Amino acid sequence: MVSNTSVDVKQVRDRSLWTGVVLTILGVAAIALPIVSTLFVETWVAVILASAGAAKLVYAYQTRDKGGTLWKALLGVLYIATGIMLFVNPRSGVLTLTLLLGSFLLTEGVFELILAFRLRPQQNWTWALGNGIITLILGAMIWFQFPFNAPWLLGTLVGASILFTGISRIGLSLKTREFSERESESAASA
């Protein structure tokens, strides 16, 4: 039973480590190509909204006998129209998404800080603290530089957030590995 648990922990730790490596690489790529990554983010949001709108229209049709069909359909049309507007006018989409990202990162940074202080009894809580501080700073940077740097800022900040999340994940995984090795050595010597 103990060996199964240690194998499970090792598998989770290794997956977490590889996820951190992939996030770090993606973050570096997004920072290196900020305009491309900004357009990618804007286009991705447009696709998500249009897809969600189509799903809402299908849902409205499937539940037409339950009532509220008109409102469900209008909501689906709103999603689709917003997605199309982002495709047709990417400049306005980038400005809007830049403000939304700034709000999101500020909120995420606060939540990460709360999480870090809740994890404080754990040995590696400072990784979550660092991630929260950096995310909070990135959100503030968006608000202070808007709208002048919106074309490249969105991609750069998303890339930086992804990069530091990857580094944080790698750090947590390596600390877990170190802790597991120490526990194994202690168990073997006992």
N, C-alpha and C. Protein backbone atom coordinates (compact mmCIF):
# COMPACT_ATOMS: atom_id res chain seq x y z
N MET A 1 0.82 -1.19 0.00
CA MET A 1 0.00 0.00 0.00
C MET A 1 0.87 1.26 0.00
N VAL A 2 1.92 1.27 0.80
CA VAL A 2 2.80 2.43 0.87
C VAL A 2 3.49 2.64 -0.46
N SER A 3 3.91 1.55 -1.11
CA SER A 3 4.60 1.71 -2.39
C SER A 3 3.66 2.24 -3.46
N ASN A 4 2.38 1.82 -3.44
CA ASN A 4 1.42 2.37 -4.40
C ASN A 4 1.22 3.86 -4.19
N THR A 5 1.16 4.28 -2.94
CA THR A 5 0.99 5.69 -2.63
C THR A 5 2.21 6.48 -3.08
N SER A 6 3.40 5.96 -2.83
CA SER A 6 4.61 6.68 -3.24
C SER A 6 4.73 6.72 -4.75
N VAL A 7 4.28 5.66 -5.44
CA VAL A 7 4.29 5.67 -6.91
C VAL A 7 3.30 6.71 -7.43
N ASP A 8 2.11 6.79 -6.82
CA ASP A 8 1.11 7.78 -7.22
C ASP A 8 1.63 9.20 -7.01
N VAL A 9 2.25 9.44 -5.87
CA VAL A 9 2.81 10.77 -5.58
C VAL A 9 3.90 11.11 -6.58
N LYS A 10 4.74 10.13 -6.90
CA LYS A 10 5.81 10.36 -7.88
C LYS A 10 5.24 10.67 -9.26
N GLN A 11 4.19 9.96 -9.68
CA GLN A 11 3.57 10.22 -10.98
C GLN A 11 2.95 11.62 -11.03
N VAL A 12 2.25 11.99 -9.98
CA VAL A 12 1.64 13.32 -9.92
C VAL A 12 2.73 14.39 -9.93
N ARG A 13 3.78 14.18 -9.16
CA ARG A 13 4.88 15.14 -9.09
C ARG A 13 5.55 15.28 -10.45
N ASP A 14 5.79 14.15 -11.15
CA ASP A 14 6.43 14.20 -12.46
C ASP A 14 5.54 14.90 -13.49
N ARG A 15 4.23 14.61 -13.45
CA ARG A 15 3.30 15.30 -14.37
C ARG A 15 3.29 16.80 -14.07
N SER A 16 3.31 17.14 -12.81
CA SER A 16 3.33 18.54 -12.42
C SER A 16 4.61 19.22 -12.91
N LEU A 17 5.72 18.51 -12.80
CA LEU A 17 7.00 19.05 -13.28
C LEU A 17 6.96 19.28 -14.79
N TRP A 18 6.47 18.32 -15.54
CA TRP A 18 6.40 18.46 -17.00
C TRP A 18 5.41 19.55 -17.40
N THR A 19 4.33 19.69 -16.66
CA THR A 19 3.39 20.77 -16.93
C THR A 19 4.08 22.11 -16.73
N GLY A 20 4.87 22.23 -15.68
CA GLY A 20 5.63 23.44 -15.43
C GLY A 20 6.61 23.75 -16.54
N VAL A 21 7.28 22.72 -17.06
CA VAL A 21 8.24 22.91 -18.16
C VAL A 21 7.50 23.41 -19.40
N VAL A 22 6.37 22.79 -19.74
CA VAL A 22 5.61 23.20 -20.92
C VAL A 22 5.10 24.63 -20.76
N LEU A 23 4.57 24.96 -19.57
CA LEU A 23 4.09 26.33 -19.33
C LEU A 23 5.22 27.34 -19.45
N THR A 24 6.40 26.99 -18.96
CA THR A 24 7.55 27.89 -19.05
C THR A 24 7.92 28.14 -20.50
N ILE A 25 7.95 27.10 -21.31
CA ILE A 25 8.28 27.24 -22.74
C ILE A 25 7.23 28.10 -23.44
N LEU A 26 5.95 27.84 -23.18
CA LEU A 26 4.88 28.63 -23.80
C LEU A 26 4.95 30.09 -23.36
N GLY A 27 5.27 30.33 -22.11
CA GLY A 27 5.41 31.70 -21.62
C GLY A 27 6.53 32.45 -22.32
N VAL A 28 7.67 31.78 -22.50
CA VAL A 28 8.80 32.41 -23.20
C VAL A 28 8.41 32.72 -24.65
N ALA A 29 7.72 31.79 -25.31
CA ALA A 29 7.29 31.99 -26.71
C ALA A 29 6.33 33.18 -26.80
N ALA A 30 5.39 33.29 -25.86
CA ALA A 30 4.43 34.40 -25.88
C ALA A 30 5.13 35.74 -25.66
N ILE A 31 6.13 35.77 -24.80
CA ILE A 31 6.88 37.01 -24.55
C ILE A 31 7.72 37.37 -25.77
N ALA A 32 8.29 36.38 -26.43
CA ALA A 32 9.14 36.63 -27.59
C ALA A 32 8.34 37.15 -28.79
N LEU A 33 7.06 36.77 -28.88
CA LEU A 33 6.20 37.19 -29.99
C LEU A 33 4.93 37.84 -29.44
N PRO A 34 5.05 39.03 -28.83
CA PRO A 34 3.91 39.60 -28.11
C PRO A 34 2.72 39.99 -28.98
N ILE A 35 2.95 40.52 -30.17
CA ILE A 35 1.82 40.91 -31.03
C ILE A 35 1.09 39.68 -31.52
N VAL A 36 1.84 38.64 -31.86
CA VAL A 36 1.23 37.38 -32.30
C VAL A 36 0.43 36.77 -31.16
N SER A 37 1.00 36.77 -29.96
CA SER A 37 0.29 36.17 -28.83
C SER A 37 -0.93 37.01 -28.44
N THR A 38 -0.85 38.34 -28.60
CA THR A 38 -2.02 39.19 -28.34
C THR A 38 -3.15 38.84 -29.30
N LEU A 39 -2.83 38.73 -30.57
CA LEU A 39 -3.85 38.37 -31.55
C LEU A 39 -4.37 36.95 -31.32
N PHE A 40 -3.50 36.06 -30.89
CA PHE A 40 -3.93 34.70 -30.59
C PHE A 40 -4.94 34.70 -29.44
N VAL A 41 -4.65 35.44 -28.39
CA VAL A 41 -5.56 35.51 -27.25
C VAL A 41 -6.90 36.10 -27.68
N GLU A 42 -6.86 37.18 -28.44
CA GLU A 42 -8.09 37.84 -28.90
C GLU A 42 -8.91 36.90 -29.78
N THR A 43 -8.24 36.21 -30.69
CA THR A 43 -8.93 35.27 -31.58
C THR A 43 -9.48 34.09 -30.80
N TRP A 44 -8.73 33.60 -29.85
CA TRP A 44 -9.16 32.47 -29.04
C TRP A 44 -10.44 32.81 -28.28
N VAL A 45 -10.49 34.00 -27.70
CA VAL A 45 -11.69 34.44 -26.99
C VAL A 45 -12.87 34.55 -27.96
N ALA A 46 -12.62 35.05 -29.17
CA ALA A 46 -13.68 35.14 -30.17
C ALA A 46 -14.23 33.77 -30.52
N VAL A 47 -13.35 32.80 -30.69
CA VAL A 47 -13.79 31.43 -31.00
C VAL A 47 -14.59 30.84 -29.85
N ILE A 48 -14.12 31.05 -28.64
CA ILE A 48 -14.83 30.52 -27.47
C ILE A 48 -16.22 31.14 -27.37
N LEU A 49 -16.33 32.44 -27.54
CA LEU A 49 -17.64 33.10 -27.45
C LEU A 49 -18.58 32.62 -28.55
N ALA A 50 -18.09 32.54 -29.78
CA ALA A 50 -18.94 32.09 -30.88
C ALA A 50 -19.38 30.64 -30.67
N SER A 51 -18.47 29.80 -30.19
CA SER A 51 -18.81 28.40 -29.93
C SER A 51 -19.82 28.28 -28.79
N ALA A 52 -19.63 29.05 -27.75
CA ALA A 52 -20.57 29.04 -26.64
C ALA A 52 -21.94 29.53 -27.10
N GLY A 53 -21.96 30.53 -27.98
CA GLY A 53 -23.23 31.01 -28.52
C GLY A 53 -23.95 29.95 -29.32
N ALA A 54 -23.20 29.21 -30.13
CA ALA A 54 -23.81 28.12 -30.90
C ALA A 54 -24.38 27.06 -29.96
N ALA A 55 -23.62 26.73 -28.92
CA ALA A 55 -24.10 25.75 -27.94
C ALA A 55 -25.36 26.25 -27.24
N LYS A 56 -25.42 27.54 -26.93
CA LYS A 56 -26.60 28.11 -26.28
C LYS A 56 -27.81 28.06 -27.21
N LEU A 57 -27.60 28.27 -28.51
CA LEU A 57 -28.71 28.17 -29.46
C LEU A 57 -29.24 26.74 -29.53
N VAL A 58 -28.34 25.78 -29.55
CA VAL A 58 -28.74 24.37 -29.57
C VAL A 58 -29.52 24.05 -28.29
N TYR A 59 -29.02 24.52 -27.17
CA TYR A 59 -29.70 24.29 -25.89
C TYR A 59 -31.09 24.94 -25.90
N ALA A 60 -31.19 26.16 -26.43
CA ALA A 60 -32.48 26.83 -26.49
C ALA A 60 -33.47 26.00 -27.32
N TYR A 61 -33.00 25.44 -28.42
CA TYR A 61 -33.87 24.61 -29.26
C TYR A 61 -34.27 23.32 -28.54
N GLN A 62 -33.30 22.68 -27.89
CA GLN A 62 -33.57 21.41 -27.21
C GLN A 62 -34.51 21.57 -26.02
N THR A 63 -34.53 22.73 -25.41
CA THR A 63 -35.38 22.95 -24.22
C THR A 63 -36.53 23.91 -24.54
N ARG A 64 -36.93 23.97 -25.79
CA ARG A 64 -37.97 24.92 -26.19
C ARG A 64 -39.30 24.68 -25.49
N ASP A 65 -39.57 23.46 -25.05
CA ASP A 65 -40.82 23.17 -24.36
C ASP A 65 -40.77 23.52 -22.87
N LYS A 66 -39.61 23.91 -22.36
CA LYS A 66 -39.45 24.23 -20.93
C LYS A 66 -39.69 25.71 -20.64
N GLY A 67 -39.75 26.54 -21.66
CA GLY A 67 -39.96 27.97 -21.46
C GLY A 67 -38.65 28.75 -21.52
N GLY A 68 -38.77 30.04 -21.75
CA GLY A 68 -37.61 30.92 -21.80
C GLY A 68 -36.78 30.75 -23.06
N THR A 69 -37.36 30.15 -24.09
CA THR A 69 -36.62 29.86 -25.32
C THR A 69 -36.10 31.14 -25.97
N LEU A 70 -36.95 32.16 -26.02
CA LEU A 70 -36.55 33.42 -26.65
C LEU A 70 -35.33 34.00 -25.96
N TRP A 71 -35.32 34.01 -24.63
CA TRP A 71 -34.20 34.58 -23.88
C TRP A 71 -32.93 33.75 -24.04
N LYS A 72 -33.10 32.45 -24.04
CA LYS A 72 -31.96 31.56 -24.25
C LYS A 72 -31.37 31.79 -25.64
N ALA A 73 -32.24 31.91 -26.63
CA ALA A 73 -31.79 32.13 -28.01
C ALA A 73 -31.11 33.49 -28.15
N LEU A 74 -31.70 34.52 -27.53
CA LEU A 74 -31.09 35.86 -27.59
C LEU A 74 -29.71 35.87 -26.94
N LEU A 75 -29.57 35.14 -25.85
CA LEU A 75 -28.26 35.04 -25.20
C LEU A 75 -27.25 34.35 -26.13
N GLY A 76 -27.69 33.30 -26.81
CA GLY A 76 -26.81 32.62 -27.77
C GLY A 76 -26.40 33.55 -28.90
N VAL A 77 -27.36 34.33 -29.41
CA VAL A 77 -27.07 35.30 -30.48
C VAL A 77 -26.09 36.35 -29.99
N LEU A 78 -26.26 36.80 -28.75
CA LEU A 78 -25.34 37.79 -28.17
C LEU A 78 -23.92 37.25 -28.12
N TYR A 79 -23.76 36.01 -27.69
CA TYR A 79 -22.44 35.39 -27.65
C TYR A 79 -21.84 35.32 -29.06
N ILE A 80 -22.62 34.85 -30.01
CA ILE A 80 -22.13 34.73 -31.38
C ILE A 80 -21.77 36.10 -31.94
N ALA A 81 -22.63 37.10 -31.73
CA ALA A 81 -22.36 38.44 -32.23
C ALA A 81 -21.08 39.02 -31.62
N THR A 82 -20.89 38.79 -30.33
CA THR A 82 -19.67 39.28 -29.68
C THR A 82 -18.44 38.59 -30.26
N GLY A 83 -18.52 37.29 -30.48
CA GLY A 83 -17.40 36.56 -31.10
C GLY A 83 -17.10 37.08 -32.49
N ILE A 84 -18.14 37.33 -33.27
CA ILE A 84 -17.95 37.85 -34.63
C ILE A 84 -17.35 39.25 -34.59
N MET A 85 -17.83 40.08 -33.65
CA MET A 85 -17.28 41.44 -33.54
C MET A 85 -15.79 41.40 -33.18
N LEU A 86 -15.39 40.46 -32.35
CA LEU A 86 -13.97 40.34 -32.03
C LEU A 86 -13.16 39.93 -33.26
N PHE A 87 -13.74 39.07 -34.10
CA PHE A 87 -13.06 38.69 -35.33
C PHE A 87 -12.96 39.85 -36.31
N VAL A 88 -14.06 40.59 -36.45
CA VAL A 88 -14.13 41.66 -37.45
C VAL A 88 -13.33 42.88 -37.02
N ASN A 89 -13.36 43.20 -35.76
CA ASN A 89 -12.67 44.38 -35.27
C ASN A 89 -11.70 44.00 -34.15
N PRO A 90 -10.57 43.41 -34.51
CA PRO A 90 -9.65 42.93 -33.47
C PRO A 90 -9.04 44.05 -32.61
N ARG A 91 -8.92 45.26 -33.16
CA ARG A 91 -8.32 46.36 -32.38
C ARG A 91 -9.18 46.68 -31.15
N SER A 92 -10.48 46.85 -31.34
CA SER A 92 -11.38 47.09 -30.20
C SER A 92 -11.39 45.89 -29.27
N GLY A 93 -11.33 44.70 -29.86
CA GLY A 93 -11.29 43.49 -29.06
C GLY A 93 -10.06 43.44 -28.18
N VAL A 94 -8.92 43.83 -28.73
CA VAL A 94 -7.68 43.83 -27.95
C VAL A 94 -7.78 44.84 -26.80
N LEU A 95 -8.34 46.02 -27.06
CA LEU A 95 -8.48 47.02 -26.00
C LEU A 95 -9.40 46.51 -24.89
N THR A 96 -10.53 45.94 -25.29
CA THR A 96 -11.48 45.42 -24.30
C THR A 96 -10.86 44.28 -23.50
N LEU A 97 -10.23 43.36 -24.20
CA LEU A 97 -9.63 42.21 -23.52
C LEU A 97 -8.47 42.63 -22.64
N THR A 98 -7.79 43.71 -23.01
CA THR A 98 -6.70 44.21 -22.18
C THR A 98 -7.24 44.67 -20.82
N LEU A 99 -8.34 45.40 -20.84
CA LEU A 99 -8.95 45.83 -19.57
C LEU A 99 -9.46 44.64 -18.78
N LEU A 100 -10.08 43.68 -19.47
CA LEU A 100 -10.56 42.49 -18.77
C LEU A 100 -9.41 41.69 -18.17
N LEU A 101 -8.31 41.57 -18.91
CA LEU A 101 -7.16 40.84 -18.40
C LEU A 101 -6.57 41.54 -17.18
N GLY A 102 -6.49 42.87 -17.24
CA GLY A 102 -5.98 43.60 -16.08
C GLY A 102 -6.82 43.33 -14.85
N SER A 103 -8.14 43.35 -15.02
CA SER A 103 -9.04 43.07 -13.89
C SER A 103 -8.85 41.64 -13.40
N PHE A 104 -8.75 40.71 -14.35
CA PHE A 104 -8.57 39.30 -14.00
C PHE A 104 -7.27 39.09 -13.22
N LEU A 105 -6.16 39.66 -13.71
CA LEU A 105 -4.87 39.44 -13.05
C LEU A 105 -4.83 40.08 -11.67
N LEU A 106 -5.46 41.25 -11.52
CA LEU A 106 -5.52 41.85 -10.19
C LEU A 106 -6.29 40.94 -9.23
N THR A 107 -7.41 40.43 -9.68
CA THR A 107 -8.21 39.53 -8.85
C THR A 107 -7.46 38.24 -8.56
N GLU A 108 -6.85 37.65 -9.61
CA GLU A 108 -6.09 36.42 -9.42
C GLU A 108 -4.94 36.64 -8.44
N GLY A 109 -4.25 37.76 -8.56
CA GLY A 109 -3.15 38.06 -7.65
C GLY A 109 -3.59 38.11 -6.20
N VAL A 110 -4.73 38.74 -5.94
CA VAL A 110 -5.27 38.80 -4.58
C VAL A 110 -5.59 37.39 -4.08
N PHE A 111 -6.25 36.58 -4.92
CA PHE A 111 -6.59 35.22 -4.52
C PHE A 111 -5.35 34.36 -4.30
N GLU A 112 -4.32 34.55 -5.14
CA GLU A 112 -3.07 33.81 -4.96
C GLU A 112 -2.40 34.19 -3.64
N LEU A 113 -2.45 35.47 -3.28
CA LEU A 113 -1.87 35.90 -2.01
C LEU A 113 -2.62 35.29 -0.84
N ILE A 114 -3.94 35.27 -0.92
CA ILE A 114 -4.74 34.64 0.13
C ILE A 114 -4.38 33.16 0.24
N LEU A 115 -4.28 32.49 -0.93
CA LEU A 115 -3.90 31.07 -0.94
C LEU A 115 -2.52 30.89 -0.32
N ALA A 116 -1.58 31.74 -0.68
CA ALA A 116 -0.22 31.61 -0.15
C ALA A 116 -0.21 31.69 1.37
N PHE A 117 -0.96 32.63 1.93
CA PHE A 117 -0.96 32.75 3.38
C PHE A 117 -1.72 31.61 4.04
N ARG A 118 -2.65 31.00 3.33
CA ARG A 118 -3.32 29.81 3.87
C ARG A 118 -2.39 28.60 3.82
N LEU A 119 -1.46 28.60 2.85
CA LEU A 119 -0.49 27.51 2.73
C LEU A 119 0.75 27.75 3.59
N ARG A 120 0.79 28.84 4.29
CA ARG A 120 1.98 29.27 5.03
C ARG A 120 2.58 28.22 5.94
N PRO A 121 1.81 27.37 6.57
CA PRO A 121 2.46 26.34 7.40
C PRO A 121 3.30 25.35 6.57
N GLN A 122 3.01 25.24 5.28
CA GLN A 122 3.77 24.31 4.44
C GLN A 122 5.13 24.91 4.11
N GLN A 123 6.06 24.01 3.85
CA GLN A 123 7.44 24.44 3.64
C GLN A 123 7.62 25.29 2.38
N ASN A 124 6.88 25.02 1.32
CA ASN A 124 7.13 25.70 0.04
C ASN A 124 6.07 26.75 -0.29
N TRP A 125 5.47 27.36 0.68
CA TRP A 125 4.40 28.33 0.46
C TRP A 125 4.89 29.60 -0.24
N THR A 126 6.18 29.88 -0.16
CA THR A 126 6.71 31.11 -0.76
C THR A 126 6.60 31.11 -2.29
N TRP A 127 6.53 29.92 -2.90
CA TRP A 127 6.33 29.87 -4.36
C TRP A 127 4.96 30.44 -4.74
N ALA A 128 3.95 30.08 -3.99
CA ALA A 128 2.60 30.62 -4.25
C ALA A 128 2.58 32.13 -3.94
N LEU A 129 3.30 32.55 -2.89
CA LEU A 129 3.38 33.97 -2.55
C LEU A 129 4.03 34.75 -3.70
N GLY A 130 5.14 34.25 -4.21
CA GLY A 130 5.81 34.91 -5.33
C GLY A 130 4.92 35.00 -6.55
N ASN A 131 4.21 33.91 -6.85
CA ASN A 131 3.30 33.91 -7.99
C ASN A 131 2.20 34.96 -7.79
N GLY A 132 1.66 35.07 -6.59
CA GLY A 132 0.61 36.05 -6.32
C GLY A 132 1.11 37.48 -6.46
N ILE A 133 2.30 37.76 -5.95
CA ILE A 133 2.86 39.11 -6.05
C ILE A 133 3.10 39.49 -7.50
N ILE A 134 3.70 38.59 -8.27
CA ILE A 134 3.99 38.88 -9.67
C ILE A 134 2.71 39.06 -10.47
N THR A 135 1.71 38.22 -10.22
CA THR A 135 0.44 38.34 -10.93
C THR A 135 -0.24 39.67 -10.60
N LEU A 136 -0.19 40.08 -9.35
CA LEU A 136 -0.76 41.36 -8.93
C LEU A 136 -0.05 42.52 -9.62
N ILE A 137 1.27 42.47 -9.70
CA ILE A 137 2.04 43.51 -10.37
C ILE A 137 1.68 43.56 -11.86
N LEU A 138 1.55 42.41 -12.49
CA LEU A 138 1.20 42.38 -13.91
C LEU A 138 -0.17 43.01 -14.16
N GLY A 139 -1.13 42.72 -13.30
CA GLY A 139 -2.46 43.32 -13.44
C GLY A 139 -2.40 44.84 -13.30
N ALA A 140 -1.62 45.32 -12.34
CA ALA A 140 -1.47 46.77 -12.15
C ALA A 140 -0.79 47.41 -13.35
N MET A 141 0.18 46.73 -13.93
CA MET A 141 0.87 47.27 -15.11
C MET A 141 -0.10 47.51 -16.26
N ILE A 142 -1.05 46.61 -16.43
CA ILE A 142 -2.03 46.79 -17.51
C ILE A 142 -2.83 48.06 -17.28
N TRP A 143 -3.32 48.24 -16.08
CA TRP A 143 -4.15 49.41 -15.79
C TRP A 143 -3.38 50.71 -15.93
N PHE A 144 -2.12 50.74 -15.52
CA PHE A 144 -1.35 51.98 -15.57
C PHE A 144 -0.87 52.34 -16.98
N GLN A 145 -0.75 51.37 -17.88
CA GLN A 145 -0.24 51.64 -19.22
C GLN A 145 -1.33 51.64 -20.29
N PHE A 146 -2.58 51.39 -19.91
CA PHE A 146 -3.66 51.34 -20.88
C PHE A 146 -3.94 52.73 -21.43
N PRO A 147 -4.25 52.89 -22.70
CA PRO A 147 -4.36 51.96 -23.82
C PRO A 147 -3.14 51.95 -24.72
N PHE A 148 -2.10 52.70 -24.34
CA PHE A 148 -0.98 52.94 -25.24
C PHE A 148 -0.23 51.68 -25.65
N ASN A 149 -0.09 50.75 -24.75
CA ASN A 149 0.69 49.56 -25.06
C ASN A 149 -0.16 48.31 -25.24
N ALA A 150 -1.44 48.48 -25.45
CA ALA A 150 -2.36 47.33 -25.55
C ALA A 150 -1.97 46.32 -26.64
N PRO A 151 -1.50 46.75 -27.83
CA PRO A 151 -1.21 45.74 -28.86
C PRO A 151 -0.16 44.71 -28.45
N TRP A 152 0.84 45.10 -27.71
CA TRP A 152 1.86 44.13 -27.31
C TRP A 152 1.76 43.75 -25.84
N LEU A 153 1.11 44.58 -25.05
CA LEU A 153 1.06 44.35 -23.61
C LEU A 153 0.29 43.08 -23.26
N LEU A 154 -0.82 42.87 -23.91
CA LEU A 154 -1.65 41.70 -23.62
C LEU A 154 -0.87 40.40 -23.80
N GLY A 155 -0.21 40.26 -24.94
CA GLY A 155 0.56 39.04 -25.20
C GLY A 155 1.74 38.90 -24.26
N THR A 156 2.41 40.00 -23.98
CA THR A 156 3.57 39.96 -23.08
C THR A 156 3.16 39.57 -21.67
N LEU A 157 2.10 40.16 -21.17
CA LEU A 157 1.69 39.88 -19.81
C LEU A 157 1.09 38.49 -19.67
N VAL A 158 0.35 38.04 -20.66
CA VAL A 158 -0.14 36.66 -20.62
C VAL A 158 1.06 35.71 -20.61
N GLY A 159 2.04 36.01 -21.47
CA GLY A 159 3.25 35.18 -21.51
C GLY A 159 3.99 35.19 -20.19
N ALA A 160 4.11 36.36 -19.57
CA ALA A 160 4.81 36.44 -18.28
C ALA A 160 4.05 35.68 -17.20
N SER A 161 2.74 35.81 -17.20
CA SER A 161 1.94 35.07 -16.21
C SER A 161 2.10 33.57 -16.41
N ILE A 162 2.06 33.12 -17.64
CA ILE A 162 2.24 31.69 -17.94
C ILE A 162 3.65 31.25 -17.55
N LEU A 163 4.64 32.07 -17.86
CA LEU A 163 6.03 31.75 -17.53
C LEU A 163 6.21 31.58 -16.02
N PHE A 164 5.71 32.54 -15.24
CA PHE A 164 5.90 32.45 -13.80
C PHE A 164 5.05 31.35 -13.17
N THR A 165 3.90 31.06 -13.77
CA THR A 165 3.12 29.91 -13.30
C THR A 165 3.91 28.63 -13.54
N GLY A 166 4.55 28.53 -14.71
CA GLY A 166 5.38 27.36 -15.01
C GLY A 166 6.56 27.24 -14.06
N ILE A 167 7.24 28.35 -13.81
CA ILE A 167 8.38 28.33 -12.89
C ILE A 167 7.92 27.96 -11.49
N SER A 168 6.78 28.50 -11.07
CA SER A 168 6.22 28.17 -9.76
C SER A 168 5.90 26.69 -9.67
N ARG A 169 5.32 26.14 -10.73
CA ARG A 169 4.97 24.70 -10.76
C ARG A 169 6.24 23.85 -10.68
N ILE A 170 7.28 24.24 -11.41
CA ILE A 170 8.54 23.51 -11.37
C ILE A 170 9.13 23.56 -9.95
N GLY A 171 9.12 24.75 -9.35
CA GLY A 171 9.66 24.89 -8.00
C GLY A 171 8.92 24.04 -6.99
N LEU A 172 7.59 24.05 -7.07
CA LEU A 172 6.80 23.23 -6.15
C LEU A 172 7.09 21.75 -6.36
N SER A 173 7.21 21.32 -7.61
CA SER A 173 7.48 19.91 -7.91
C SER A 173 8.84 19.49 -7.40
N LEU A 174 9.84 20.34 -7.59
CA LEU A 174 11.19 20.00 -7.12
C LEU A 174 11.24 19.96 -5.59
N LYS A 175 10.53 20.88 -4.93
CA LYS A 175 10.49 20.85 -3.46
C LYS A 175 9.78 19.59 -2.97
N THR A 176 8.73 19.17 -3.68
CA THR A 176 8.03 17.94 -3.31
C THR A 176 8.95 16.75 -3.47
N ARG A 177 9.73 16.74 -4.55
CA ARG A 177 10.69 15.65 -4.78
C ARG A 177 11.71 15.62 -3.66
N GLU A 178 12.23 16.78 -3.30
CA GLU A 178 13.22 16.87 -2.22
C GLU A 178 12.63 16.37 -0.91
N PHE A 179 11.41 16.78 -0.61
CA PHE A 179 10.73 16.35 0.62
C PHE A 179 10.50 14.84 0.61
N SER A 180 10.07 14.29 -0.54
CA SER A 180 9.83 12.84 -0.65
C SER A 180 11.12 12.05 -0.45
N GLU A 181 12.22 12.54 -1.00
CA GLU A 181 13.50 11.85 -0.85
C GLU A 181 13.95 11.86 0.61
N ARG A 182 13.73 12.99 1.29
CA ARG A 182 14.09 13.05 2.71
C ARG A 182 13.24 12.10 3.54
N GLU A 183 11.95 12.01 3.21
CA GLU A 183 11.08 11.08 3.93
C GLU A 183 11.49 9.64 3.68
N SER A 184 11.88 9.32 2.43
CA SER A 184 12.32 7.97 2.11
C SER A 184 13.60 7.61 2.86
N GLU A 185 14.53 8.57 2.95
CA GLU A 185 15.77 8.34 3.68
C GLU A 185 15.49 8.15 5.17
N SER A 186 14.56 8.93 5.70
CA SER A 186 14.21 8.80 7.12
C SER A 186 13.56 7.46 7.40
N ALA A 187 12.69 7.01 6.50
CA ALA A 187 12.02 5.71 6.67
C ALA A 187 13.01 4.56 6.55
N ALA A 188 13.99 4.72 5.65
CA ALA A 188 14.97 3.65 5.45
C ALA A 188 15.93 3.54 6.65
N SER A 189 16.25 4.67 7.27
CA SER A 189 17.17 4.64 8.40
C SER A 189 16.47 4.23 9.71
N ALA A 190 15.15 4.30 9.71
CA ALA A 190 14.42 3.96 10.94
C ALA A 190 14.21 2.49 11.12
